Amino acid sequence: MESLQPWISLIALAIPAFIGLQLVRLVRHYFSLPTLEEYREEFPDCATKHGTRCFECGAKAIWRQHIIGNERIIFSCRDCGEPLYRR
């Protein structure tokens, strides 16, 4: 059992570190996306009176991905999967 102690300690440290790094990566991705207003300024043809379209494929089906609670949301195209903007 003593021979396993270093491995258990290493795993106990590695798992929270991995989760923390993934969270940092997700937050960076979130803030790299434009807001809806910035998205509409950059792609004015994608802002229609019936909603927003994907700049990549033109689809109107937008998917919401809640990141941290209900405050942070990434909107992505359902057809091509392209992340579009954040809220």
PDB file of N, CA and C in Angstrom:
ATOM      1  N   MET A   1       0.823  -1.199   0.000  1.00  0.00           N
ATOM      2  CA  MET A   1       0.000   0.000   0.000  1.00  0.00           C
ATOM      3  C   MET A   1       0.862   1.256   0.000  1.00  0.00           C
ATOM      4  N   GLU A   2       2.019   1.187   0.667  1.00  0.00           N
ATOM      5  CA  GLU A   2       2.895   2.347   0.701  1.00  0.00           C
ATOM      6  C   GLU A   2       3.415   2.700  -0.688  1.00  0.00           C
ATOM      7  N   SER A   3       3.562   1.726  -1.550  1.00  0.00           N
ATOM      8  CA  SER A   3       4.053   2.007  -2.900  1.00  0.00           C
ATOM      9  C   SER A   3       3.021   2.762  -3.736  1.00  0.00           C
ATOM     10  N   LEU A   4       1.766   2.694  -3.357  1.00  0.00           N
ATOM     11  CA  LEU A   4       0.707   3.408  -4.076  1.00  0.00           C
ATOM     12  C   LEU A   4       0.518   4.834  -3.569  1.00  0.00           C
ATOM     13  N   GLN A   5       1.005   5.146  -2.401  1.00  0.00           N
ATOM     14  CA  GLN A   5       0.787   6.460  -1.795  1.00  0.00           C
ATOM     15  C   GLN A   5       1.250   7.617  -2.686  1.00  0.00           C
ATOM     16  N   PRO A   6       2.443   7.567  -3.291  1.00  0.00           N
ATOM     17  CA  PRO A   6       2.849   8.676  -4.169  1.00  0.00           C
ATOM     18  C   PRO A   6       1.922   8.842  -5.375  1.00  0.00           C
ATOM     19  N   TRP A   7       1.448   7.726  -5.919  1.00  0.00           N
ATOM     20  CA  TRP A   7       0.554   7.799  -7.079  1.00  0.00           C
ATOM     21  C   TRP A   7      -0.799   8.382  -6.699  1.00  0.00           C
ATOM     22  N   ILE A   8      -1.301   8.017  -5.560  1.00  0.00           N
ATOM     23  CA  ILE A   8      -2.586   8.550  -5.094  1.00  0.00           C
ATOM     24  C   ILE A   8      -2.468  10.053  -4.858  1.00  0.00           C
ATOM     25  N   SER A   9      -1.363  10.471  -4.271  1.00  0.00           N
ATOM     26  CA  SER A   9      -1.132  11.903  -4.046  1.00  0.00           C
ATOM     27  C   SER A   9      -1.032  12.660  -5.368  1.00  0.00           C
ATOM     28  N   LEU A  10      -0.351  12.080  -6.325  1.00  0.00           N
ATOM     29  CA  LEU A  10      -0.203  12.711  -7.634  1.00  0.00           C
ATOM     30  C   LEU A  10      -1.547  12.846  -8.333  1.00  0.00           C
ATOM     31  N   ILE A  11      -2.338  11.807  -8.297  1.00  0.00           N
ATOM     32  CA  ILE A  11      -3.667  11.847  -8.920  1.00  0.00           C
ATOM     33  C   ILE A  11      -4.556  12.852  -8.203  1.00  0.00           C
ATOM     34  N   ALA A  12      -4.459  12.908  -6.882  1.00  0.00           N
ATOM     35  CA  ALA A  12      -5.271  13.855  -6.103  1.00  0.00           C
ATOM     36  C   ALA A  12      -4.916  15.298  -6.444  1.00  0.00           C
ATOM     37  N   LEU A  13      -3.711  15.559  -6.861  1.00  0.00           N
ATOM     38  CA  LEU A  13      -3.312  16.909  -7.278  1.00  0.00           C
ATOM     39  C   LEU A  13      -3.606  17.152  -8.755  1.00  0.00           C
ATOM     40  N   ALA A  14      -3.497  16.124  -9.570  1.00  0.00           N
ATOM     41  CA  ALA A  14      -3.643  16.280 -11.015  1.00  0.00           C
ATOM     42  C   ALA A  14      -5.089  16.548 -11.425  1.00  0.00           C
ATOM     43  N   ILE A  15      -6.032  15.907 -10.780  1.00  0.00           N
ATOM     44  CA  ILE A  15      -7.436  16.064 -11.182  1.00  0.00           C
ATOM     45  C   ILE A  15      -7.925  17.499 -10.991  1.00  0.00           C
ATOM     46  N   PRO A  16      -7.759  18.126  -9.826  1.00  0.00           N
ATOM     47  CA  PRO A  16      -8.189  19.534  -9.698  1.00  0.00           C
ATOM     48  C   PRO A  16      -7.418  20.471 -10.627  1.00  0.00           C
ATOM     49  N   ALA A  17      -6.137  20.186 -10.862  1.00  0.00           N
ATOM     50  CA  ALA A  17      -5.363  21.023 -11.777  1.00  0.00           C
ATOM     51  C   ALA A  17      -5.917  20.926 -13.191  1.00  0.00           C
ATOM     52  N   PHE A  18      -6.275  19.728 -13.622  1.00  0.00           N
ATOM     53  CA  PHE A  18      -6.843  19.539 -14.952  1.00  0.00           C
ATOM     54  C   PHE A  18      -8.180  20.273 -15.086  1.00  0.00           C
ATOM     55  N   ILE A  19      -9.025  20.149 -14.087  1.00  0.00           N
ATOM     56  CA  ILE A  19     -10.323  20.824 -14.107  1.00  0.00           C
ATOM     57  C   ILE A  19     -10.133  22.341 -14.130  1.00  0.00           C
ATOM     58  N   GLY A  20      -9.192  22.837 -13.346  1.00  0.00           N
ATOM     59  CA  GLY A  20      -8.911  24.271 -13.330  1.00  0.00           C
ATOM     60  C   GLY A  20      -8.423  24.781 -14.670  1.00  0.00           C
ATOM     61  N   LEU A  21      -7.547  24.036 -15.313  1.00  0.00           N
ATOM     62  CA  LEU A  21      -7.051  24.435 -16.627  1.00  0.00           C
ATOM     63  C   LEU A  21      -8.163  24.443 -17.668  1.00  0.00           C
ATOM     64  N   GLN A  22      -9.049  23.458 -17.601  1.00  0.00           N
ATOM     65  CA  GLN A  22     -10.171  23.424 -18.541  1.00  0.00           C
ATOM     66  C   GLN A  22     -11.099  24.615 -18.333  1.00  0.00           C
ATOM     67  N   LEU A  23     -11.314  24.998 -17.086  1.00  0.00           N
ATOM     68  CA  LEU A  23     -12.157  26.152 -16.784  1.00  0.00           C
ATOM     69  C   LEU A  23     -11.517  27.434 -17.299  1.00  0.00           C
ATOM     70  N   VAL A  24     -10.214  27.583 -17.116  1.00  0.00           N
ATOM     71  CA  VAL A  24      -9.506  28.754 -17.634  1.00  0.00           C
ATOM     72  C   VAL A  24      -9.617  28.802 -19.153  1.00  0.00           C
ATOM     73  N   ARG A  25      -9.457  27.669 -19.793  1.00  0.00           N
ATOM     74  CA  ARG A  25      -9.573  27.603 -21.255  1.00  0.00           C
ATOM     75  C   ARG A  25     -10.964  28.002 -21.736  1.00  0.00           C
ATOM     76  N   LEU A  26     -11.984  27.538 -21.034  1.00  0.00           N
ATOM     77  CA  LEU A  26     -13.362  27.864 -21.390  1.00  0.00           C
ATOM     78  C   LEU A  26     -13.649  29.353 -21.205  1.00  0.00           C
ATOM     79  N   VAL A  27     -13.154  29.939 -20.132  1.00  0.00           N
ATOM     80  CA  VAL A  27     -13.362  31.367 -19.885  1.00  0.00           C
ATOM     81  C   VAL A  27     -12.633  32.193 -20.938  1.00  0.00           C
ATOM     82  N   ARG A  28     -11.428  31.794 -21.306  1.00  0.00           N
ATOM     83  CA  ARG A  28     -10.702  32.508 -22.372  1.00  0.00           C
ATOM     84  C   ARG A  28     -11.467  32.441 -23.694  1.00  0.00           C
ATOM     85  N   HIS A  29     -11.999  31.269 -24.009  1.00  0.00           N
ATOM     86  CA  HIS A  29     -12.782  31.111 -25.239  1.00  0.00           C
ATOM     87  C   HIS A  29     -14.009  32.018 -25.192  1.00  0.00           C
ATOM     88  N   TYR A  30     -14.668  32.067 -24.058  1.00  0.00           N
ATOM     89  CA  TYR A  30     -15.859  32.907 -23.895  1.00  0.00           C
ATOM     90  C   TYR A  30     -15.529  34.364 -24.189  1.00  0.00           C
ATOM     91  N   PHE A  31     -14.472  34.886 -23.571  1.00  0.00           N
ATOM     92  CA  PHE A  31     -14.136  36.299 -23.745  1.00  0.00           C
ATOM     93  C   PHE A  31     -13.492  36.600 -25.091  1.00  0.00           C
ATOM     94  N   SER A  32     -13.094  35.588 -25.845  1.00  0.00           N
ATOM     95  CA  SER A  32     -12.562  35.837 -27.179  1.00  0.00           C
ATOM     96  C   SER A  32     -13.670  36.076 -28.205  1.00  0.00           C
ATOM     97  N   LEU A  33     -14.892  35.690 -27.863  1.00  0.00           N
ATOM     98  CA  LEU A  33     -16.017  35.881 -28.775  1.00  0.00           C
ATOM     99  C   LEU A  33     -16.580  37.290 -28.646  1.00  0.00           C
ATOM    100  N   PRO A  34     -17.149  37.816 -29.737  1.00  0.00           N
ATOM    101  CA  PRO A  34     -17.764  39.142 -29.646  1.00  0.00           C
ATOM    102  C   PRO A  34     -19.115  39.073 -28.932  1.00  0.00           C
ATOM    103  N   THR A  35     -19.561  40.221 -28.451  1.00  0.00           N
ATOM    104  CA  THR A  35     -20.922  40.313 -27.929  1.00  0.00           C
ATOM    105  C   THR A  35     -21.878  40.350 -29.116  1.00  0.00           C
ATOM    106  N   LEU A  36     -23.169  40.282 -28.864  1.00  0.00           N
ATOM    107  CA  LEU A  36     -24.151  40.319 -29.952  1.00  0.00           C
ATOM    108  C   LEU A  36     -24.034  41.625 -30.744  1.00  0.00           C
ATOM    109  N   GLU A  37     -23.865  42.725 -30.054  1.00  0.00           N
ATOM    110  CA  GLU A  37     -23.740  44.023 -30.734  1.00  0.00           C
ATOM    111  C   GLU A  37     -22.499  44.063 -31.624  1.00  0.00           C
ATOM    112  N   GLU A  38     -21.377  43.557 -31.101  1.00  0.00           N
ATOM    113  CA  GLU A  38     -20.138  43.513 -31.883  1.00  0.00           C
ATOM    114  C   GLU A  38     -20.278  42.568 -33.078  1.00  0.00           C
ATOM    115  N   TYR A  39     -20.967  41.449 -32.869  1.00  0.00           N
ATOM    116  CA  TYR A  39     -21.196  40.486 -33.948  1.00  0.00           C
ATOM    117  C   TYR A  39     -22.009  41.130 -35.069  1.00  0.00           C
ATOM    118  N   ARG A  40     -23.065  41.852 -34.696  1.00  0.00           N
ATOM    119  CA  ARG A  40     -23.906  42.501 -35.704  1.00  0.00           C
ATOM    120  C   ARG A  40     -23.170  43.619 -36.421  1.00  0.00           C
ATOM    121  N   GLU A  41     -22.259  44.301 -35.739  1.00  0.00           N
ATOM    122  CA  GLU A  41     -21.454  45.328 -36.405  1.00  0.00           C
ATOM    123  C   GLU A  41     -20.479  44.697 -37.399  1.00  0.00           C
ATOM    124  N   GLU A  42     -19.877  43.587 -37.003  1.00  0.00           N
ATOM    125  CA  GLU A  42     -18.902  42.915 -37.864  1.00  0.00           C
ATOM    126  C   GLU A  42     -19.563  42.215 -39.053  1.00  0.00           C
ATOM    127  N   PHE A  43     -20.754  41.672 -38.838  1.00  0.00           N
ATOM    128  CA  PHE A  43     -21.482  40.957 -39.891  1.00  0.00           C
ATOM    129  C   PHE A  43     -22.897  41.545 -40.022  1.00  0.00           C
ATOM    130  N   PRO A  44     -23.020  42.721 -40.618  1.00  0.00           N
ATOM    131  CA  PRO A  44     -24.340  43.373 -40.684  1.00  0.00           C
ATOM    132  C   PRO A  44     -25.374  42.579 -41.496  1.00  0.00           C
ATOM    133  N   ASP A  45     -24.940  41.771 -42.443  1.00  0.00           N
ATOM    134  CA  ASP A  45     -25.882  40.971 -43.234  1.00  0.00           C
ATOM    135  C   ASP A  45     -26.515  39.859 -42.403  1.00  0.00           C
ATOM    136  N   CYS A  46     -25.913  39.515 -41.290  1.00  0.00           N
ATOM    137  CA  CYS A  46     -26.421  38.425 -40.453  1.00  0.00           C
ATOM    138  C   CYS A  46     -27.503  38.883 -39.476  1.00  0.00           C
ATOM    139  N   ALA A  47     -27.691  40.177 -39.343  1.00  0.00           N
ATOM    140  CA  ALA A  47     -28.730  40.702 -38.458  1.00  0.00           C
ATOM    141  C   ALA A  47     -29.988  40.935 -39.288  1.00  0.00           C
ATOM    142  N   THR A  48     -30.985  40.082 -39.113  1.00  0.00           N
ATOM    143  CA  THR A  48     -32.236  40.213 -39.851  1.00  0.00           C
ATOM    144  C   THR A  48     -33.350  40.637 -38.891  1.00  0.00           C
ATOM    145  N   LYS A  49     -34.494  40.991 -39.428  1.00  0.00           N
ATOM    146  CA  LYS A  49     -35.604  41.382 -38.555  1.00  0.00           C
ATOM    147  C   LYS A  49     -36.206  40.184 -37.831  1.00  0.00           C
ATOM    148  N   HIS A  50     -35.852  38.966 -38.258  1.00  0.00           N
ATOM    149  CA  HIS A  50     -36.352  37.750 -37.617  1.00  0.00           C
ATOM    150  C   HIS A  50     -35.309  37.090 -36.721  1.00  0.00           C
ATOM    151  N   GLY A  51     -34.176  37.753 -36.502  1.00  0.00           N
ATOM    152  CA  GLY A  51     -33.136  37.201 -35.634  1.00  0.00           C
ATOM    153  C   GLY A  51     -31.767  37.268 -36.275  1.00  0.00           C
ATOM    154  N   THR A  52     -30.845  36.539 -35.704  1.00  0.00           N
ATOM    155  CA  THR A  52     -29.456  36.556 -36.146  1.00  0.00           C
ATOM    156  C   THR A  52     -29.138  35.274 -36.907  1.00  0.00           C
ATOM    157  N   ARG A  53     -28.325  35.397 -37.953  1.00  0.00           N
ATOM    158  CA  ARG A  53     -27.904  34.244 -38.744  1.00  0.00           C
ATOM    159  C   ARG A  53     -26.422  33.974 -38.526  1.00  0.00           C
ATOM    160  N   CYS A  54     -26.001  32.778 -38.897  1.00  0.00           N
ATOM    161  CA  CYS A  54     -24.598  32.387 -38.830  1.00  0.00           C
ATOM    162  C   CYS A  54     -23.839  33.032 -39.992  1.00  0.00           C
ATOM    163  N   PHE A  55     -22.682  33.616 -39.711  1.00  0.00           N
ATOM    164  CA  PHE A  55     -21.880  34.225 -40.772  1.00  0.00           C
ATOM    165  C   PHE A  55     -21.234  33.174 -41.656  1.00  0.00           C
ATOM    166  N   GLU A  56     -21.058  31.958 -41.127  1.00  0.00           N
ATOM    167  CA  GLU A  56     -20.360  30.899 -41.855  1.00  0.00           C
ATOM    168  C   GLU A  56     -21.272  30.207 -42.878  1.00  0.00           C
ATOM    169  N   CYS A  57     -22.453  29.770 -42.433  1.00  0.00           N
ATOM    170  CA  CYS A  57     -23.331  29.002 -43.328  1.00  0.00           C
ATOM    171  C   CYS A  57     -24.679  29.678 -43.587  1.00  0.00           C
ATOM    172  N   GLY A  58     -24.986  30.737 -42.854  1.00  0.00           N
ATOM    173  CA  GLY A  58     -26.237  31.460 -43.071  1.00  0.00           C
ATOM    174  C   GLY A  58     -27.441  30.883 -42.354  1.00  0.00           C
ATOM    175  N   ALA A  59     -27.262  29.859 -41.555  1.00  0.00           N
ATOM    176  CA  ALA A  59     -28.387  29.235 -40.841  1.00  0.00           C
ATOM    177  C   ALA A  59     -28.917  30.161 -39.760  1.00  0.00           C
ATOM    178  N   LYS A  60     -30.206  30.043 -39.492  1.00  0.00           N
ATOM    179  CA  LYS A  60     -30.846  30.848 -38.453  1.00  0.00           C
ATOM    180  C   LYS A  60     -31.001  30.094 -37.136  1.00  0.00           C
ATOM    181  N   ALA A  61     -30.656  28.813 -37.142  1.00  0.00           N
ATOM    182  CA  ALA A  61     -30.779  27.995 -35.928  1.00  0.00           C
ATOM    183  C   ALA A  61     -29.557  28.235 -35.049  1.00  0.00           C
ATOM    184  N   ILE A  62     -29.785  28.866 -33.906  1.00  0.00           N
ATOM    185  CA  ILE A  62     -28.700  29.217 -32.989  1.00  0.00           C
ATOM    186  C   ILE A  62     -28.865  28.411 -31.706  1.00  0.00           C
ATOM    187  N   TRP A  63     -27.777  27.853 -31.229  1.00  0.00           N
ATOM    188  CA  TRP A  63     -27.746  27.002 -30.043  1.00  0.00           C
ATOM    189  C   TRP A  63     -27.153  27.788 -28.884  1.00  0.00           C
ATOM    190  N   ARG A  64     -27.756  27.681 -27.687  1.00  0.00           N
ATOM    191  CA  ARG A  64     -27.236  28.323 -26.482  1.00  0.00           C
ATOM    192  C   ARG A  64     -26.453  27.316 -25.662  1.00  0.00           C
ATOM    193  N   GLN A  65     -25.260  27.698 -25.238  1.00  0.00           N
ATOM    194  CA  GLN A  65     -24.452  26.854 -24.361  1.00  0.00           C
ATOM    195  C   GLN A  65     -24.163  27.660 -23.099  1.00  0.00           C
ATOM    196  N   HIS A  66     -24.795  27.266 -21.994  1.00  0.00           N
ATOM    197  CA  HIS A  66     -24.578  27.954 -20.729  1.00  0.00           C
ATOM    198  C   HIS A  66     -23.208  27.566 -20.191  1.00  0.00           C
ATOM    199  N   ILE A  67     -22.403  28.548 -19.861  1.00  0.00           N
ATOM    200  CA  ILE A  67     -21.038  28.297 -19.429  1.00  0.00           C
ATOM    201  C   ILE A  67     -20.946  28.282 -17.908  1.00  0.00           C
ATOM    202  N   ILE A  68     -21.133  29.410 -17.290  1.00  0.00           N
ATOM    203  CA  ILE A  68     -21.008  29.527 -15.844  1.00  0.00           C
ATOM    204  C   ILE A  68     -22.343  30.060 -15.329  1.00  0.00           C
ATOM    205  N   GLY A  69     -23.171  29.164 -14.803  1.00  0.00           N
ATOM    206  CA  GLY A  69     -24.505  29.573 -14.360  1.00  0.00           C
ATOM    207  C   GLY A  69     -25.343  30.001 -15.554  1.00  0.00           C
ATOM    208  N   ASN A  70     -26.224  30.944 -15.331  1.00  0.00           N
ATOM    209  CA  ASN A  70     -27.057  31.466 -16.408  1.00  0.00           C
ATOM    210  C   ASN A  70     -26.572  32.819 -16.907  1.00  0.00           C
ATOM    211  N   GLU A  71     -25.469  33.289 -16.359  1.00  0.00           N
ATOM    212  CA  GLU A  71     -24.948  34.604 -16.716  1.00  0.00           C
ATOM    213  C   GLU A  71     -24.131  34.578 -18.010  1.00  0.00           C
ATOM    214  N   ARG A  72     -23.364  33.534 -18.221  1.00  0.00           N
ATOM    215  CA  ARG A  72     -22.450  33.443 -19.357  1.00  0.00           C
ATOM    216  C   ARG A  72     -22.966  32.413 -20.357  1.00  0.00           C
ATOM    217  N   ILE A  73     -23.261  32.885 -21.568  1.00  0.00           N
ATOM    218  CA  ILE A  73     -23.810  32.003 -22.600  1.00  0.00           C
ATOM    219  C   ILE A  73     -23.028  32.208 -23.894  1.00  0.00           C
ATOM    220  N   ILE A  74     -22.679  31.103 -24.554  1.00  0.00           N
ATOM    221  CA  ILE A  74     -22.086  31.152 -25.887  1.00  0.00           C
ATOM    222  C   ILE A  74     -23.162  30.707 -26.866  1.00  0.00           C
ATOM    223  N   PHE A  75     -23.368  31.494 -27.908  1.00  0.00           N
ATOM    224  CA  PHE A  75     -24.332  31.169 -28.946  1.00  0.00           C
ATOM    225  C   PHE A  75     -23.572  30.616 -30.142  1.00  0.00           C
ATOM    226  N   SER A  76     -23.963  29.414 -30.580  1.00  0.00           N
ATOM    227  CA  SER A  76     -23.301  28.737 -31.696  1.00  0.00           C
ATOM    228  C   SER A  76     -24.330  28.336 -32.737  1.00  0.00           C
ATOM    229  N   CYS A  77     -23.863  28.152 -33.967  1.00  0.00           N
ATOM    230  CA  CYS A  77     -24.726  27.692 -35.048  1.00  0.00           C
ATOM    231  C   CYS A  77     -25.033  26.212 -34.847  1.00  0.00           C
ATOM    232  N   ARG A  78     -26.300  25.849 -34.969  1.00  0.00           N
ATOM    233  CA  ARG A  78     -26.681  24.437 -34.838  1.00  0.00           C
ATOM    234  C   ARG A  78     -26.278  23.623 -36.060  1.00  0.00           C
ATOM    235  N   ASP A  79     -26.204  24.268 -37.213  1.00  0.00           N
ATOM    236  CA  ASP A  79     -25.892  23.534 -38.440  1.00  0.00           C
ATOM    237  C   ASP A  79     -24.400  23.234 -38.596  1.00  0.00           C
ATOM    238  N   CYS A  80     -23.567  24.262 -38.453  1.00  0.00           N
ATOM    239  CA  CYS A  80     -22.135  24.066 -38.696  1.00  0.00           C
ATOM    240  C   CYS A  80     -21.308  24.030 -37.398  1.00  0.00           C
ATOM    241  N   GLY A  81     -21.904  24.415 -36.271  1.00  0.00           N
ATOM    242  CA  GLY A  81     -21.214  24.348 -34.990  1.00  0.00           C
ATOM    243  C   GLY A  81     -20.310  25.530 -34.704  1.00  0.00           C
ATOM    244  N   GLU A  82     -20.279  26.516 -35.557  1.00  0.00           N
ATOM    245  CA  GLU A  82     -19.404  27.681 -35.375  1.00  0.00           C
ATOM    246  C   GLU A  82     -19.856  28.527 -34.183  1.00  0.00           C
ATOM    247  N   PRO A  83     -18.963  28.797 -33.216  1.00  0.00           N
ATOM    248  CA  PRO A  83     -19.320  29.707 -32.127  1.00  0.00           C
ATOM    249  C   PRO A  83     -19.458  31.121 -32.686  1.00  0.00           C
ATOM    250  N   LEU A  84     -20.560  31.798 -32.373  1.00  0.00           N
ATOM    251  CA  LEU A  84     -20.852  33.088 -32.991  1.00  0.00           C
ATOM    252  C   LEU A  84     -20.606  34.272 -32.069  1.00  0.00           C
ATOM    253  N   TYR A  85     -21.257  34.294 -30.932  1.00  0.00           N
ATOM    254  CA  TYR A  85     -21.138  35.434 -30.021  1.00  0.00           C
ATOM    255  C   TYR A  85     -21.458  34.995 -28.608  1.00  0.00           C
ATOM    256  N   ARG A  86     -21.278  35.913 -27.657  1.00  0.00           N
ATOM    257  CA  ARG A  86     -21.475  35.605 -26.248  1.00  0.00           C
ATOM    258  C   ARG A  86     -22.454  36.596 -25.621  1.00  0.00           C
ATOM    259  N   ARG A  87     -22.980  36.177 -24.468  1.00  0.00           N
ATOM    260  CA  ARG A  87     -23.796  37.091 -23.655  1.00  0.00           C
ATOM    261  C   ARG A  87     -23.366  36.925 -22.224  1.00  0.00           C
TER     262      ARG A  87
END
